[in-house]
Protein backbone atom coordinates (compact mmCIF):
# COMPACT_ATOMS: atom_id res chain seq x y z
CA MET A 1 -14.22 -13.10 4.12
CA ALA A 2 -15.42 -10.09 2.16
CA ILE A 3 -17.85 -9.02 4.90
CA GLU A 4 -15.10 -9.31 7.50
CA PHE A 5 -12.97 -7.13 5.24
CA VAL A 6 -15.75 -4.52 5.26
CA LYS A 7 -15.75 -4.61 9.03
CA MET A 8 -11.96 -4.25 9.04
CA LEU A 9 -12.26 -1.31 6.56
CA ASN A 10 -14.67 0.38 8.87
CA ALA A 11 -12.49 -0.19 11.96
CA LYS A 12 -9.30 1.06 10.16
CA GLY A 13 -11.19 4.12 8.85
CA THR A 14 -12.41 5.13 12.29
CA GLU A 15 -15.98 5.10 11.36
CA ALA A 16 -15.20 5.31 7.61
CA VAL A 17 -18.68 4.23 6.70
CA GLU A 18 -20.84 7.35 7.18
CA ASN A 19 -23.91 6.17 5.26
CA LYS A 20 -25.49 3.30 3.35
CA ASN A 21 -23.97 4.42 0.03
CA GLN A 22 -20.44 4.17 1.41
CA LEU A 23 -21.24 0.81 3.01
CA ASP A 24 -22.56 -0.51 -0.32
CA LEU A 25 -19.28 0.79 -1.93
CA PHE A 26 -17.05 -0.85 0.64
CA GLU A 27 -18.89 -4.12 0.20
CA GLN A 28 -18.49 -4.02 -3.53
CA MET A 29 -14.80 -3.18 -3.15
CA ALA A 30 -14.38 -6.06 -0.78
CA PHE A 31 -16.24 -8.45 -3.01
CA TRP A 32 -13.96 -7.34 -5.93
CA PHE A 33 -10.79 -7.64 -3.89
CA PHE A 34 -11.59 -11.22 -2.80
CA ASN A 35 -12.90 -12.30 -6.17
CA ASP A 36 -16.31 -12.92 -4.56
CA GLU A 37 -19.18 -13.79 -6.85
CA ARG A 38 -21.35 -11.33 -4.99
CA PHE A 39 -19.53 -8.52 -6.78
CA SER A 40 -22.02 -6.69 -9.13
CA GLY A 41 -19.57 -6.40 -12.04
CA ASN A 42 -16.69 -8.25 -13.74
CA LEU A 43 -14.08 -9.44 -11.34
CA HIS A 44 -11.43 -9.24 -14.05
CA LYS A 45 -11.73 -5.48 -14.44
CA GLY A 46 -10.64 -2.51 -12.32
CA LEU A 47 -12.89 0.02 -10.69
CA PHE A 48 -14.23 3.36 -11.87
CA ILE A 49 -15.68 5.14 -8.79
CA HIS A 50 -17.52 8.39 -9.50
CA GLY A 51 -19.98 10.60 -7.71
CA GLY A 52 -20.56 14.14 -6.52
CA LYS A 53 -18.13 16.17 -4.62
CA GLY A 54 -17.73 15.26 -0.94
CA THR A 55 -19.37 11.83 -1.09
CA GLY A 56 -16.40 10.07 0.41
CA LYS A 57 -14.60 8.59 -2.62
CA THR A 58 -11.05 9.74 -1.52
CA LYS A 59 -11.66 8.64 2.07
CA ALA A 60 -12.91 5.28 0.96
CA MET A 61 -9.79 4.75 -1.21
CA LYS A 62 -7.42 5.70 1.49
CA VAL A 63 -9.12 3.36 3.96
CA PHE A 64 -9.20 0.61 1.38
CA ALA A 65 -5.46 1.01 0.51
CA GLU A 66 -4.40 1.13 4.17
CA ALA A 67 -6.47 -1.90 5.04
CA ILE A 68 -4.95 -3.92 2.23
CA ARG A 69 -1.41 -2.78 3.18
CA ARG A 70 -1.81 -3.66 6.86
CA GLY A 71 -4.13 -6.55 6.79
CA PHE A 72 -2.84 -8.35 3.77
CA LYS A 73 0.72 -6.97 3.37
CA ALA A 74 -0.24 -6.35 -0.28
CA ARG A 75 1.48 -3.70 -2.35
CA ILE A 76 -1.01 -1.01 -3.34
CA GLU A 77 -0.22 2.55 -4.40
CA ILE A 78 -2.54 5.51 -4.24
CA ILE A 79 -1.65 8.72 -6.16
CA HIS A 80 -3.68 11.84 -6.57
CA ALA A 81 -4.09 13.01 -10.12
CA LEU A 82 -2.29 16.29 -9.37
CA GLU A 83 0.65 14.29 -8.00
CA LEU A 84 0.67 12.21 -11.23
CA GLN A 85 0.69 15.49 -13.26
CA SER A 86 3.62 16.70 -11.20
CA LEU A 87 5.62 13.60 -11.86
CA TYR A 88 5.29 14.09 -15.57
CA ALA A 89 5.98 17.85 -15.43
CA LYS A 90 9.11 17.19 -13.36
CA ASN A 91 10.32 14.41 -15.75
CA ARG A 92 10.35 11.80 -12.99
CA ASP A 93 10.53 8.85 -15.46
CA GLU A 94 11.68 6.24 -12.91
CA GLU A 95 8.69 6.94 -10.68
CA ILE A 96 6.29 7.06 -13.56
CA GLU A 97 7.49 3.63 -14.90
CA ASN A 98 7.17 2.22 -11.40
CA LEU A 99 3.50 3.33 -11.20
CA LYS A 100 2.92 1.87 -14.69
CA ARG A 101 4.01 -1.54 -13.37
CA LYS A 102 2.22 -1.64 -10.02
CA LYS A 103 -0.05 -4.64 -9.75
CA LEU A 104 -2.79 -2.38 -8.39
CA LEU A 105 -2.84 1.40 -8.60
CA ILE A 106 -5.41 3.89 -7.36
CA ILE A 107 -5.54 7.22 -9.14
CA ASP A 108 -7.61 9.55 -7.03
CA ASP A 109 -9.55 12.68 -8.13
CA VAL A 110 -9.05 12.25 -11.90
CA GLY A 111 -10.16 15.40 -13.64
CA THR A 112 -8.57 17.82 -11.15
CA GLU A 113 -5.23 17.78 -13.06
CA GLN A 114 -4.25 19.59 -16.31
CA VAL A 115 -4.96 17.33 -19.31
CA ASP A 116 -1.70 18.26 -20.96
CA VAL A 117 1.82 18.88 -19.59
CA LYS A 118 5.31 19.14 -21.05
CA HIS A 119 7.43 16.10 -20.46
CA PHE A 120 11.00 16.49 -21.80
CA GLY A 121 9.61 19.17 -24.13
CA THR A 122 6.87 16.97 -25.53
CA VAL A 123 3.16 17.58 -24.71
CA VAL A 124 1.76 14.53 -23.01
CA GLN A 125 -1.45 13.68 -21.14
CA PRO A 126 -0.32 12.19 -17.84
CA PHE A 127 -3.49 10.45 -16.84
CA VAL A 128 -4.11 9.08 -20.41
CA ASP A 129 -0.52 7.93 -20.69
CA MET A 130 -0.67 6.10 -17.30
CA PHE A 131 -4.02 4.64 -17.92
CA ASP A 132 -3.07 3.41 -21.41
CA ALA A 133 0.17 1.84 -20.21
CA ARG A 134 -1.61 0.01 -17.44
CA TYR A 135 -4.35 -1.00 -19.87
CA ARG A 136 -1.90 -2.52 -22.32
CA ARG A 137 -0.21 -4.50 -19.51
CA GLY A 138 -3.50 -5.81 -18.24
CA LEU A 139 -2.97 -4.34 -14.75
CA HIS A 140 -5.86 -3.31 -12.41
CA THR A 141 -6.49 0.32 -11.83
CA ILE A 142 -8.96 2.01 -9.54
CA ILE A 143 -10.02 5.47 -10.53
CA THR A 144 -11.94 8.00 -8.50
CA THR A 145 -13.45 11.17 -9.91
CA ASN A 146 -16.23 13.70 -9.63
CA LEU A 147 -16.79 13.39 -13.38
CA PRO A 148 -19.44 11.17 -14.85
CA PRO A 149 -18.42 8.79 -17.63
CA PHE A 150 -20.59 10.43 -20.31
CA ALA A 151 -22.03 13.89 -20.94
CA THR A 152 -25.43 13.98 -19.19
CA ASN A 153 -25.46 17.61 -18.08
CA PRO A 154 -22.80 17.09 -15.38
CA PRO A 155 -22.61 19.90 -12.75
CA ASN A 156 -19.21 21.12 -13.82
CA GLY A 157 -19.98 20.74 -17.49
CA LEU A 158 -17.50 18.00 -18.23
CA SER A 159 -17.45 14.20 -18.36
CA ILE A 160 -14.66 11.73 -18.68
CA GLN A 161 -15.66 11.33 -22.32
CA GLU A 162 -15.38 15.10 -23.02
CA ARG A 163 -12.25 15.66 -21.04
CA TYR A 164 -10.12 12.76 -22.24
CA GLY A 165 -11.76 11.60 -25.47
CA GLU A 166 -13.68 8.69 -27.03
CA ARG A 167 -10.66 6.33 -26.93
CA VAL A 168 -10.27 6.61 -23.15
CA ILE A 169 -14.02 6.14 -22.37
CA ASP A 170 -14.00 3.12 -24.74
CA ARG A 171 -11.13 1.60 -22.81
CA PHE A 172 -12.93 2.39 -19.51
CA LYS A 173 -15.85 0.29 -20.63
CA GLU A 174 -13.51 -2.56 -21.52
CA CYS A 175 -11.41 -2.66 -18.38
CA LEU A 176 -13.21 -0.83 -15.50
CA ASN A 177 -16.42 -1.55 -13.58
CA ASP A 178 -18.56 1.53 -13.12
CA LEU A 179 -19.43 2.14 -9.48
CA LEU A 180 -21.45 5.30 -8.51
CA LEU A 181 -21.06 6.75 -4.96
CA ASP A 182 -24.13 8.87 -4.85
CA GLY A 183 -25.44 11.16 -2.17
CA GLU A 184 -24.97 14.55 -0.53
CA SER A 185 -21.64 15.99 0.38
CA LEU A 186 -20.44 14.82 3.75
CA ARG A 187 -18.20 17.81 4.20
CA LYS A 188 -19.31 20.23 6.91
């Protein structure tokens, strides 16, 4: 079933798979989604997908979410990190709480948003707050980012650990599978 899902992802994405790295990612996502033992990580954890700019992480997530919605009538939400920041800055508590309760949530492009915003006059960290709430509820989260998990001379000078702190990266280790989408930028 997982391989058929990869084929469906490719068909839905109008040639979504542009290289072997993306095909490998789609296969791993499909194995994870179907609880297939061929998944390379822990099936009980979410996904942390990172890699360089332009490698296709966002496109892969959009295709994945759409295939799940259409093919399986499953509820899946995808939100860009900047949109999440905006919800907090505009005090949209009902929408924030709804995202915190989604069975599966994709937060795309983590690291592009401001770390801190004012929410009803209090400084909060939107990504950290959302991730922490979902962590405590045991809900699956998929995160995409250009930032590596740890400081290893990243190209933009930051890592998840440096941007959000030791507590967040520690929770990443506990509840997210680390998947690297490596390669050259596909943007032309």
